[in-house]
Protein backbone atom coordinates (compact mmCIF):
# COMPACT_ATOMS: atom_id res chain seq x y z
CA MET A 1 -21.11 20.90 -12.78
CA MET A 2 -18.45 22.82 -11.73
CA ASP A 3 -15.53 23.87 -14.24
CA TYR A 4 -13.05 21.71 -13.18
CA SER A 5 -9.57 21.01 -15.08
CA LEU A 6 -6.50 18.70 -14.44
CA LYS A 7 -2.79 19.29 -14.53
CA SER A 8 -0.06 16.84 -14.21
CA VAL A 9 1.82 16.35 -11.11
CA SER A 10 4.63 16.61 -12.65
CA GLU A 11 4.19 20.30 -13.56
CA VAL A 12 4.72 21.24 -9.94
CA SER A 13 7.43 20.90 -7.39
CA LEU A 14 7.28 18.09 -4.69
CA ALA A 15 7.01 20.66 -2.06
CA ASP A 16 3.71 22.07 -3.50
CA ALA A 17 2.31 18.83 -4.45
CA ALA A 18 3.31 17.53 -0.55
CA ALA A 19 1.50 20.70 0.78
CA LEU A 20 -1.63 19.80 -1.67
CA PHE A 21 -1.34 16.29 -0.38
CA THR A 22 -1.39 17.25 3.25
CA LEU A 23 -4.22 19.46 2.97
CA ALA A 24 -6.38 17.06 1.02
CA PHE A 25 -6.10 14.32 3.46
CA THR A 26 -7.21 16.81 6.48
CA GLY A 27 -9.17 14.59 8.64
CA TYR A 28 -7.92 11.67 7.38
CA ILE A 29 -9.47 8.28 9.11
CA ALA A 30 -6.19 6.59 9.57
CA GLY A 31 -4.69 9.86 11.22
CA HIS A 32 -3.10 12.78 10.51
CA VAL A 33 -1.20 12.90 7.58
CA GLU A 34 1.88 15.55 7.27
CA MET A 35 3.50 15.06 3.84
CA ASN A 36 6.80 16.69 3.00
CA ALA A 37 8.87 16.76 -0.25
CA THR A 38 11.14 14.02 1.03
CA GLY A 39 8.13 11.50 2.28
CA LEU A 40 6.43 12.31 -1.14
CA ALA A 41 9.37 11.50 -2.97
CA ALA A 42 9.71 8.05 -0.81
CA MET A 43 6.35 7.22 -1.66
CA ILE A 44 6.60 7.96 -5.48
CA ALA A 45 9.48 5.47 -5.38
CA ARG A 46 7.85 2.86 -3.35
CA ASP A 47 4.68 2.75 -5.17
CA ASN A 48 6.00 3.10 -8.65
CA VAL A 49 4.00 6.39 -8.99
CA ASP A 50 3.82 8.02 -12.45
CA LEU A 51 4.13 11.57 -12.11
CA ASN A 52 3.11 12.36 -15.69
CA ALA A 53 -0.03 10.33 -15.18
CA SER A 54 -0.56 11.89 -11.79
CA ARG A 55 -3.13 14.55 -11.77
CA ILE A 56 -3.83 17.94 -9.64
CA GLN A 57 -7.60 18.80 -9.80
CA MET A 58 -8.11 22.63 -10.57
CA LEU A 59 -11.21 24.78 -10.02
CA GLY A 60 -9.94 27.96 -11.96
CA GLU A 61 -6.70 28.80 -10.46
CA GLN A 62 -7.15 27.00 -6.96
CA ALA A 63 -6.03 23.52 -6.78
CA VAL A 64 -8.75 21.33 -4.86
CA GLY A 65 -7.74 17.80 -5.37
CA ILE A 66 -4.74 15.42 -6.22
CA ALA A 67 -4.40 11.84 -7.42
CA LEU A 68 -1.36 9.83 -7.55
CA ILE A 69 -1.24 7.10 -10.45
CA ALA A 70 0.78 4.04 -10.19
CA ARG A 71 1.20 1.81 -13.46
CA GLN A 72 2.68 -1.31 -14.59
CA GLY A 73 1.71 -3.25 -17.60
CA TRP A 74 -1.98 -2.98 -18.42
CA SER A 75 -2.99 -2.30 -14.83
CA SER A 76 -2.95 1.11 -12.87
CA ARG A 77 -3.55 1.97 -9.25
CA VAL A 78 -4.95 4.97 -7.38
CA ALA A 79 -2.10 4.96 -4.92
CA ALA A 80 -3.55 8.17 -2.99
CA MET A 81 -6.50 10.31 -4.14
CA GLY A 82 -7.81 13.33 -1.77
CA ILE A 83 -10.04 16.46 -1.97
CA ILE A 84 -9.33 19.48 0.01
CA PRO A 85 -11.99 19.87 2.87
CA GLU A 86 -14.10 22.67 1.59
CA MET A 87 -14.93 21.07 -1.81
CA GLN A 88 -15.81 17.64 0.09
CA GLY A 89 -19.42 16.41 -0.52
CA LYS A 90 -19.50 18.40 -3.67
CA LYS A 91 -18.85 15.23 -6.17
CA ALA A 92 -15.30 16.86 -6.81
CA GLY A 93 -14.19 13.37 -6.20
CA ARG A 94 -16.51 11.62 -8.72
CA TRP A 95 -15.33 13.80 -11.26
CA LEU A 96 -11.56 13.53 -10.60
CA LEU A 97 -12.01 9.49 -10.44
CA GLU A 98 -13.82 9.68 -13.57
CA GLN A 99 -11.09 11.73 -15.47
CA LEU A 100 -8.68 9.06 -14.19
CA ARG A 101 -10.47 6.18 -15.61
CA THR A 102 -10.94 7.79 -18.83
CA GLU A 103 -7.24 8.44 -19.16
CA ALA A 104 -6.48 4.71 -18.02
CA ARG A 105 -8.64 3.51 -20.79
CA ASN A 106 -6.88 6.06 -23.34
CA ARG A 107 -3.89 4.38 -22.10
CA SER A 108 -5.19 0.81 -23.40
CA GLU A 109 -5.17 -0.46 -19.51
CA LYS A 110 -7.60 -2.90 -18.61
CA VAL A 111 -7.89 -2.67 -14.73
CA MET A 112 -7.46 0.00 -12.29
CA VAL A 113 -7.33 -0.74 -8.45
CA LEU A 114 -6.80 0.84 -5.12
CA GLU A 115 -7.16 0.20 -1.53
CA ALA A 116 -9.47 2.11 0.96
CA PHE A 117 -10.39 1.93 4.66
CA GLU A 118 -13.56 -0.04 4.85
CA GLN A 119 -14.42 2.11 7.85
CA ASN A 120 -14.13 5.24 5.48
CA THR A 121 -17.79 4.52 4.30
CA ARG A 122 -18.09 7.75 2.17
CA ALA A 123 -15.03 6.84 0.18
CA VAL A 124 -15.98 3.13 -0.27
CA ALA A 125 -19.34 4.54 -1.61
CA LEU A 126 -17.82 6.54 -4.09
CA TYR A 127 -15.88 3.93 -5.47
CA LYS A 128 -18.54 1.28 -5.60
CA GLY A 129 -20.98 3.77 -7.33
CA MET A 130 -18.07 4.08 -9.91
CA GLY A 131 -17.69 0.52 -10.77
CA PHE A 132 -15.20 -0.84 -8.27
CA GLU A 133 -15.86 -4.11 -6.58
CA ILE A 134 -14.22 -5.32 -3.45
CA VAL A 135 -11.85 -8.20 -4.23
CA ARG A 136 -11.04 -8.85 -0.31
CA ARG A 137 -10.53 -7.32 3.05
CA LEU A 138 -6.80 -6.47 4.21
CA TYR A 139 -5.91 -6.54 7.93
CA GLY A 140 -2.95 -5.24 10.01
CA TYR A 141 -1.70 -6.23 13.23
CA THR A 142 0.80 -5.34 16.04
CA ALA A 143 2.60 -6.56 18.84
CA ASP A 144 4.62 -5.12 21.67
CA GLN A 145 7.10 -7.70 21.25
CA ILE A 146 7.25 -11.50 19.82
CA GLU A 147 8.54 -14.48 21.58
CA ALA A 148 11.99 -15.27 19.90
CA ARG A 149 12.04 -18.78 21.08
CA GLY A 150 15.62 -19.45 19.56
CA ALA A 151 18.60 -17.93 17.57
CA ALA A 152 18.61 -15.47 14.89
CA GLU A 153 18.74 -17.99 12.36
CA ALA A 154 17.57 -15.97 9.32
CA GLN A 155 20.08 -15.27 6.67
CA GLU A 156 19.99 -11.80 4.82
CA ILE A 157 19.37 -11.79 1.23
CA ASP A 158 18.88 -9.40 -1.36
CA PRO A 159 15.34 -7.68 -1.37
CA LEU A 160 15.35 -8.57 -5.22
CA GLU A 161 15.55 -12.10 -4.56
CA PHE A 162 12.45 -11.92 -2.05
CA GLY A 163 10.57 -10.04 -4.85
CA LYS A 164 11.42 -13.01 -7.32
CA GLN A 165 10.14 -15.36 -4.94
CA VAL A 166 6.74 -13.95 -4.54
CA ALA A 167 6.56 -13.20 -8.46
CA ARG A 168 7.27 -16.94 -8.95
CA GLU A 169 5.03 -18.46 -6.43
CA GLY A 170 2.84 -15.98 -4.88
CA ALA A 171 -0.89 -16.47 -5.16
CA ALA A 172 -2.75 -14.78 -7.90
CA ASN A 173 -3.96 -11.04 -7.57
CA LEU A 174 -2.09 -10.21 -4.66
CA PRO A 175 -2.71 -6.49 -3.38
CA TRP A 176 -0.55 -4.03 -5.52
CA GLN A 177 1.84 -3.19 -2.54
CA VAL A 178 2.56 -6.65 -1.57
CA SER A 179 3.19 -8.25 -5.23
CA GLY A 180 6.33 -9.62 -6.43
CA ALA A 181 6.75 -6.82 -9.15
CA THR A 182 6.49 -4.29 -6.07
CA PHE A 183 8.87 -5.88 -3.64
CA MET A 184 11.34 -6.21 -6.49
CA ARG A 185 11.93 -2.62 -6.37
CA SER A 186 12.73 -2.63 -2.59
CA GLY A 187 15.71 -1.31 -1.35
CA ALA A 188 17.56 0.06 2.03
CA PRO A 189 16.14 0.66 4.74
CA ALA A 190 13.96 -2.54 3.92
CA LYS A 191 15.86 -5.76 4.63
CA ALA A 192 15.16 -9.38 3.39
CA TYR A 193 15.60 -12.65 5.07
CA GLN A 194 15.34 -16.56 4.32
CA LEU A 195 15.24 -19.49 6.60
CA GLY A 196 14.80 -22.81 4.72
CA GLU A 197 11.66 -21.96 2.41
CA ALA A 198 10.35 -18.78 4.32
CA TYR A 199 11.09 -15.47 3.10
CA ALA A 200 10.74 -12.02 4.69
CA LEU A 201 10.94 -8.40 4.09
CA VAL A 202 11.17 -6.04 7.14
CA ILE A 203 11.67 -2.20 7.60
CA PRO A 204 13.44 -1.90 10.99
CA SER A 205 13.86 1.06 13.15
CA THR A 206 14.95 1.71 16.42
CA GLU A 207 11.76 1.35 18.07
CA ASN A 208 9.79 -0.51 15.63
CA ALA A 209 10.05 -3.51 13.01
CA VAL A 210 7.78 -3.40 10.01
CA LEU A 211 6.80 -6.87 8.51
CA ARG A 212 6.12 -5.74 4.78
CA GLY A 213 6.13 -9.08 3.47
CA LEU A 214 6.36 -12.75 4.57
CA PHE A 215 6.33 -15.80 1.95
CA VAL A 216 6.55 -19.58 2.10
CA GLY A 217 7.31 -21.48 -1.10
CA GLY A 218 4.43 -23.69 -2.27
CA GLY A 219 6.13 -27.05 -1.41
CA ALA A 220 6.86 -26.27 2.32
CA ARG A 221 3.62 -24.43 3.40
CA LYS A 222 1.83 -25.62 6.83
CA GLN A 223 4.88 -26.81 7.96
CA GLY A 224 5.58 -24.21 10.73
CA GLN A 225 8.22 -22.56 8.71
CA ALA A 226 6.64 -19.18 8.69
CA ALA A 227 6.33 -19.11 12.30
CA ARG A 228 10.15 -20.25 12.67
CA MET A 229 10.83 -17.35 10.33
CA VAL A 230 8.78 -14.72 12.65
CA ARG A 231 10.71 -15.94 15.72
CA SER A 232 13.90 -15.42 14.16
CA LEU A 233 13.12 -12.07 13.18
CA ALA A 234 12.17 -11.35 16.92
CA ALA A 235 15.80 -12.74 17.67
CA LEU A 236 17.06 -10.29 15.15
CA TYR A 237 15.50 -7.28 16.48
CA PRO A 238 14.84 -7.93 19.99
CA GLY A 239 12.74 -5.35 21.88
CA ARG A 240 11.19 -3.86 18.98
CA LYS A 241 7.48 -3.23 18.55
CA TRP A 242 6.01 -5.53 15.48
CA VAL A 243 3.68 -3.87 12.95
CA VAL A 244 1.99 -5.57 9.95
CA PRO A 245 0.57 -2.88 7.70
CA GLN A 246 -3.03 -3.38 6.55
CA LEU A 247 -2.11 -5.28 3.71
CA CYS A 248 -2.41 -8.74 4.66
CA PRO A 249 -5.04 -10.47 2.73
CA GLU A 250 -8.00 -11.92 4.90
CA GLU A 251 -7.29 -15.81 3.78
CA TYR A 252 -3.82 -15.45 5.48
CA SER A 253 -4.74 -13.29 8.45
CA GLY A 254 -5.29 -16.39 10.95
CA PHE A 255 -1.53 -16.86 11.36
CA PHE A 256 -0.65 -13.53 12.90
CA GLU A 257 -3.76 -13.96 15.27
CA GLN A 258 -2.22 -17.52 16.09
CA MET A 259 1.23 -15.68 16.72
CA GLY A 260 -0.56 -13.59 19.29
CA LEU A 261 -0.35 -10.20 17.39
CA GLN A 262 -3.26 -7.90 17.56
CA ARG A 263 -5.68 -7.12 14.65
CA ALA A 264 -5.49 -3.25 14.06
CA PRO A 265 -8.66 -1.57 14.36
CA LEU A 266 -9.03 -0.39 10.76
CA HIS A 267 -8.81 -2.49 7.99
CA GLN A 268 -8.68 -2.00 4.17
CA VAL A 269 -10.68 -3.58 1.11
CA GLN A 270 -8.83 -4.12 -1.91
CA MET A 271 -10.84 -3.16 -4.74
CA LEU A 272 -10.96 -3.39 -8.60
CA CYS A 273 -12.35 -1.98 -11.76
CA GLU A 274 -12.68 -3.50 -14.99
CA LEU A 275 -11.86 -0.86 -17.57
């Protein structure tokens, strides 16, 4: 066993952590990753990453891996974990993950969660071998455009209110990134909307509109309100390409296919390990 050690990500600059992140995700299955200090700061804020609990894996004086840890209550999430190319296949990732689990237990946390692309078979096999179980599959969708069919009726609301609605009435055990607790931390450039009992969270840009969340109150489901909301958003953001990140639980995926969106070629699995 190699003589690894750990240090906190809080001990290094964001620029250095971002450079290590980029190196550790070389050849990533979802495409090239080029992280910088600004992008890393945005990820830390969005995912509630605890820099004091996040770790850099050292081999002597060389940084060989990085893990970003998010925390809420008795749960923690591996928001990102990567090993530099020359150390992959040498059980460095297994060692790092075991340290992360041990530290989570020492914090009295009960569960650790993560998401991984199922097509990344080596990573999924590692997590399964370390006691993580697949909870559900998470799909993503795209559409060059969505037919508006009507006016832009949806009204903008505080993103905090969207998060509160999901927290109050959302399904149990939602993926961390689309949970009410996560959505309640949303702010610009994200925009939230309400139309009847339907709620949505969108991150718009000049070319794309990313649909980060879509929710209908329990008493109004299966009444076409979600479809009406999506078409209203299409009217609000005409000419945009629509993207649904690979965070849609499989039990809801049929809706987007019915709306004419195309399933992304890669999908994630939501995984959980009891500590």
